[in-house]
Amino acid sequence: MSSWRSLIVAVALPLAAALATAWPAGPVAAAEDGPRLENRLFRVEWTVGTSNQGQTRIVGYVYNESEHDAANVQLRIRELDASGRTVGSVIKPMGGEAVPAAGRAFFDLQVPNTSPFYRVEVESFGFMDNPWSTMRTEQLLAATGFEMKLADTPEKLANLSTLTPRRTLIPQERDDRLFYVYADPDLCKCLYVGTSSQYERALQKGFASDQFIAVGEQLNALAWDLWETWPPY
């Protein structure tokens, strides 16, 4: 079977059959459950195969076990040594369509061929935009002590419009202190900024009311000095 035909079979057939035929290089694995919100809401199955030009191809499915469609899903692909220890990692956008609620979506990614073993998990995500759910999230943040900072100057508005990911809580270090920032350039045209304790309260309150808040890792393009002052610890 040619490599091109193997590719067609791997994508067209159910993943379980593809694993047994087109991708013998590694076993299917599933992300381990843990305390992270991403691991509570998503399950990942994948397999590993060789690609061209020193690349490793990783194909699989992300299963969304929440009641909300998930968009802007990013996957962390960890390189493992023979003992299972992480020796490197890379974050890749999943691409394609949203992962439907109580459903799954296919991914097909390539990474540098530097390790024989990998682990894949959801790194960050956002629920499909809904004005009502966005309002509820921002009300929850305000109720747990997050400070709203309006984009009340042209400079702030311009900076806010470039921030990604949107409507996602992102940890940010400032003066050796950890803050959590939530950017909404569409509805409130503002930032919500909170401390670690306020972040924990927001998560607890969200779980108690069956309301989930997207949490990510890195907020791009934030101009710190435009948004002073920051909440006291």
Protein backbone atom coordinates (compact mmCIF):
# COMPACT_ATOMS: atom_id res chain seq x y z
CA MET A 1 0.00 0.00 0.00
CA SER A 2 1.47 3.39 -1.01
CA SER A 3 1.99 6.13 1.57
CA TRP A 4 -0.73 8.22 -0.12
CA ARG A 5 -3.21 5.34 0.07
CA SER A 6 -2.28 4.81 3.72
CA LEU A 7 -3.09 8.45 4.37
CA ILE A 8 -6.53 8.10 2.79
CA VAL A 9 -7.29 4.96 4.77
CA ALA A 10 -6.17 6.57 8.04
CA VAL A 11 -8.50 9.52 7.60
CA ALA A 12 -11.46 7.77 6.05
CA LEU A 13 -11.79 4.72 8.29
CA PRO A 14 -12.75 4.85 11.97
CA LEU A 15 -9.78 5.71 14.12
CA ALA A 16 -9.65 2.28 15.75
CA ALA A 17 -9.25 0.58 12.37
CA ALA A 18 -6.71 3.15 11.25
CA LEU A 19 -4.60 2.48 14.31
CA ALA A 20 -4.42 -1.21 13.48
CA THR A 21 -3.41 -0.72 9.84
CA ALA A 22 -1.96 2.61 8.84
CA TRP A 23 -0.19 3.70 12.04
CA PRO A 24 1.81 0.85 13.62
CA ALA A 25 4.44 3.17 15.09
CA GLY A 26 2.77 3.64 18.46
CA PRO A 27 -0.23 2.57 20.55
CA VAL A 28 -3.35 4.62 21.10
CA ALA A 29 -3.23 6.54 24.35
CA ALA A 30 -5.66 8.68 26.28
CA ALA A 31 -4.87 11.77 28.31
CA GLU A 32 -4.81 11.10 32.03
CA ASP A 33 -7.53 12.63 34.13
CA GLY A 34 -6.39 15.27 36.58
CA PRO A 35 -7.49 18.36 38.44
CA ARG A 36 -7.13 20.63 35.40
CA LEU A 37 -10.41 21.84 33.96
CA GLU A 38 -9.30 20.77 30.48
CA ASN A 39 -8.82 17.19 31.66
CA ARG A 40 -12.24 17.16 33.28
CA LEU A 41 -14.01 18.33 30.14
CA PHE A 42 -11.98 16.69 27.36
CA ARG A 43 -10.50 13.31 26.54
CA VAL A 44 -7.90 12.82 23.81
CA GLU A 45 -7.10 9.67 21.86
CA TRP A 46 -4.20 9.64 19.41
CA THR A 47 -1.66 7.55 17.57
CA VAL A 48 1.76 8.35 16.14
CA GLY A 49 3.23 7.75 12.70
CA THR A 50 6.16 8.92 10.62
CA SER A 51 5.86 11.72 8.11
CA ASN A 52 8.17 13.42 5.63
CA GLN A 53 11.21 15.62 6.26
CA GLY A 54 11.93 14.51 9.82
CA GLN A 55 8.40 15.14 11.07
CA THR A 56 6.20 12.98 13.28
CA ARG A 57 2.52 12.85 12.41
CA ILE A 58 0.00 12.64 15.27
CA VAL A 59 -3.63 11.93 14.45
CA GLY A 60 -6.59 11.35 16.72
CA TYR A 61 -9.79 12.66 18.24
CA VAL A 62 -10.67 15.15 20.96
CA TYR A 63 -13.79 14.13 22.88
CA ASN A 64 -15.82 16.94 24.44
CA GLU A 65 -17.61 15.65 27.52
CA SER A 66 -19.19 18.99 28.41
CA GLU A 67 -22.58 20.36 27.41
CA HIS A 68 -21.10 23.18 25.32
CA ASP A 69 -19.45 23.30 21.90
CA ALA A 70 -15.75 24.14 22.25
CA ALA A 71 -13.83 26.40 19.86
CA ASN A 72 -10.22 27.55 19.52
CA VAL A 73 -8.97 24.29 20.99
CA GLN A 74 -5.19 24.08 21.41
CA LEU A 75 -3.36 20.84 22.11
CA ARG A 76 -0.17 20.39 24.10
CA ILE A 77 1.98 17.61 22.65
CA ARG A 78 4.55 16.36 25.14
CA GLU A 79 7.68 14.48 24.10
CA LEU A 80 8.43 11.56 26.44
CA ASP A 81 11.54 9.51 27.04
CA ALA A 82 11.50 5.74 27.53
CA SER A 83 10.62 6.15 31.22
CA GLY A 84 7.60 8.34 30.43
CA ARG A 85 9.26 11.56 31.63
CA THR A 86 8.46 14.76 29.73
CA VAL A 87 11.52 16.07 27.90
CA GLY A 88 9.85 18.74 25.78
CA SER A 89 6.51 20.02 24.60
CA VAL A 90 4.83 22.13 21.95
CA ILE A 91 1.39 23.74 21.72
CA LYS A 92 -0.50 23.36 18.43
CA PRO A 93 -3.92 24.67 17.43
CA MET A 94 -6.21 21.76 16.72
CA GLY A 95 -7.60 23.46 13.62
CA GLY A 96 -10.79 22.57 11.83
CA GLU A 97 -14.25 22.95 13.28
CA ALA A 98 -15.40 23.24 16.87
CA VAL A 99 -15.55 20.16 19.07
CA PRO A 100 -19.29 19.58 19.55
CA ALA A 101 -20.84 19.09 22.97
CA ALA A 102 -20.90 15.40 23.92
CA GLY A 103 -19.11 14.70 20.62
CA ARG A 104 -15.68 14.50 19.08
CA ALA A 105 -13.51 16.15 16.41
CA PHE A 106 -10.58 14.82 14.37
CA PHE A 107 -7.08 16.34 14.36
CA ASP A 108 -4.03 15.73 12.20
CA LEU A 109 -0.82 17.47 13.33
CA GLN A 110 2.92 17.28 12.69
CA VAL A 111 5.77 17.89 15.13
CA PRO A 112 9.56 17.55 14.81
CA ASN A 113 10.62 13.90 14.93
CA THR A 114 12.62 14.09 18.18
CA SER A 115 11.04 11.44 20.40
CA PRO A 116 9.57 7.93 20.03
CA PHE A 117 6.77 8.63 22.55
CA TYR A 118 4.24 11.42 22.96
CA ARG A 119 1.34 12.46 25.16
CA VAL A 120 -1.44 14.74 23.93
CA GLU A 121 -3.90 16.78 26.01
CA VAL A 122 -6.07 19.85 25.62
CA GLU A 123 -4.10 22.91 26.68
CA SER A 124 -6.72 25.63 26.26
CA PHE A 125 -10.11 26.19 24.68
CA GLY A 126 -13.04 28.55 24.50
CA PHE A 127 -16.73 27.81 24.52
CA MET A 128 -18.67 28.96 21.48
CA ASP A 129 -19.53 32.61 21.88
CA ASN A 130 -22.95 33.29 23.27
CA PRO A 131 -23.86 36.76 24.59
CA TRP A 132 -25.86 35.34 27.48
CA SER A 133 -23.12 32.95 28.62
CA THR A 134 -20.53 35.74 28.26
CA MET A 135 -22.63 38.03 30.48
CA ARG A 136 -22.99 35.27 33.07
CA THR A 137 -19.23 34.68 33.07
CA GLU A 138 -18.47 38.37 33.55
CA GLN A 139 -21.07 38.66 36.32
CA LEU A 140 -19.40 35.69 38.03
CA LEU A 141 -15.96 37.31 37.75
CA ALA A 142 -17.26 40.57 39.20
CA ALA A 143 -19.00 38.69 42.03
CA THR A 144 -15.75 36.98 43.03
CA GLY A 145 -13.77 40.22 43.18
CA PHE A 146 -12.31 40.60 39.70
CA GLU A 147 -11.75 44.25 38.77
CA MET A 148 -13.23 45.44 35.47
CA LYS A 149 -10.97 47.76 33.45
CA LEU A 150 -12.78 49.54 30.63
CA ALA A 151 -11.02 50.26 27.36
CA ASP A 152 -11.74 53.97 27.81
CA THR A 153 -8.95 55.34 25.61
CA PRO A 154 -8.13 54.70 21.94
CA GLU A 155 -4.86 53.08 23.02
CA LYS A 156 -6.59 50.64 25.37
CA LEU A 157 -9.24 49.82 22.79
CA ALA A 158 -6.58 49.14 20.16
CA ASN A 159 -4.64 46.89 22.56
CA LEU A 160 -7.78 45.06 23.66
CA SER A 161 -8.71 44.26 20.05
CA THR A 162 -5.36 42.47 19.52
CA LEU A 163 -5.46 40.29 22.65
CA THR A 164 -5.78 36.54 22.15
CA PRO A 165 -7.30 34.28 23.28
CA ARG A 166 -10.50 36.20 24.05
CA ARG A 167 -12.95 35.49 26.87
CA THR A 168 -10.46 33.13 28.49
CA LEU A 169 -8.83 33.41 31.93
CA ILE A 170 -5.08 33.64 31.45
CA PRO A 171 -2.43 33.70 34.23
CA GLN A 172 -0.06 36.67 33.97
CA GLU A 173 2.94 37.57 36.16
CA ARG A 174 3.46 41.22 37.10
CA ASP A 175 6.04 42.42 39.64
CA ASP A 176 6.52 38.85 40.91
CA ARG A 177 2.77 38.47 41.53
CA LEU A 178 0.32 36.26 39.67
CA PHE A 179 -2.82 37.77 38.18
CA TYR A 180 -5.56 36.31 35.98
CA VAL A 181 -6.74 38.35 33.00
CA TYR A 182 -9.94 37.95 30.97
CA ALA A 183 -10.27 40.04 27.80
CA ASP A 184 -13.62 40.81 26.17
CA PRO A 185 -13.28 43.25 23.25
CA ASP A 186 -16.80 42.59 21.97
CA LEU A 187 -19.43 42.78 24.71
CA CYS A 188 -18.06 44.91 27.57
CA LYS A 189 -14.95 46.18 25.76
CA CYS A 190 -12.95 45.60 28.91
CA LEU A 191 -10.50 43.50 30.85
CA TYR A 192 -11.29 41.64 34.06
CA VAL A 193 -8.24 41.28 36.31
CA GLY A 194 -8.09 39.20 39.49
CA THR A 195 -5.66 37.68 41.96
CA SER A 196 -4.97 33.98 42.49
CA SER A 197 -7.45 33.78 45.37
CA GLN A 198 -10.15 35.49 43.30
CA TYR A 199 -9.42 33.07 40.47
CA GLU A 200 -9.90 30.10 42.80
CA ARG A 201 -13.19 31.56 44.06
CA ALA A 202 -14.38 32.05 40.48
CA LEU A 203 -13.65 28.43 39.60
CA GLN A 204 -15.37 27.15 42.74
CA LYS A 205 -18.41 29.33 42.15
CA GLY A 206 -18.51 28.24 38.52
CA PHE A 207 -18.42 24.56 39.44
CA ALA A 208 -21.13 25.07 42.06
CA SER A 209 -23.45 26.68 39.50
CA ASP A 210 -22.50 24.33 36.63
CA GLN A 211 -20.92 27.26 34.82
CA PHE A 212 -17.57 26.70 33.18
CA ILE A 213 -14.95 29.34 32.43
CA ALA A 214 -12.37 28.80 29.71
CA VAL A 215 -8.82 28.80 31.09
CA GLY A 216 -5.68 29.13 28.97
CA GLU A 217 -1.95 29.60 29.39
CA GLN A 218 -0.71 32.69 27.58
CA LEU A 219 -2.27 36.05 26.71
CA ASN A 220 -0.62 37.60 23.68
CA ALA A 221 0.00 41.32 23.10
CA LEU A 222 -1.05 42.65 26.52
CA ALA A 223 0.37 46.16 27.04
CA TRP A 224 0.71 46.17 30.82
CA ASP A 225 1.37 49.87 31.32
CA LEU A 226 -1.86 50.90 29.58
CA TRP A 227 -3.99 49.12 32.18
CA GLU A 228 -2.46 50.26 35.49
CA THR A 229 -3.14 50.03 38.34
CA TRP A 230 -3.37 46.35 39.24
CA PRO A 231 -5.44 44.87 42.07
CA PRO A 232 -3.66 44.76 45.45
CA TYR A 233 -2.67 41.44 47.00
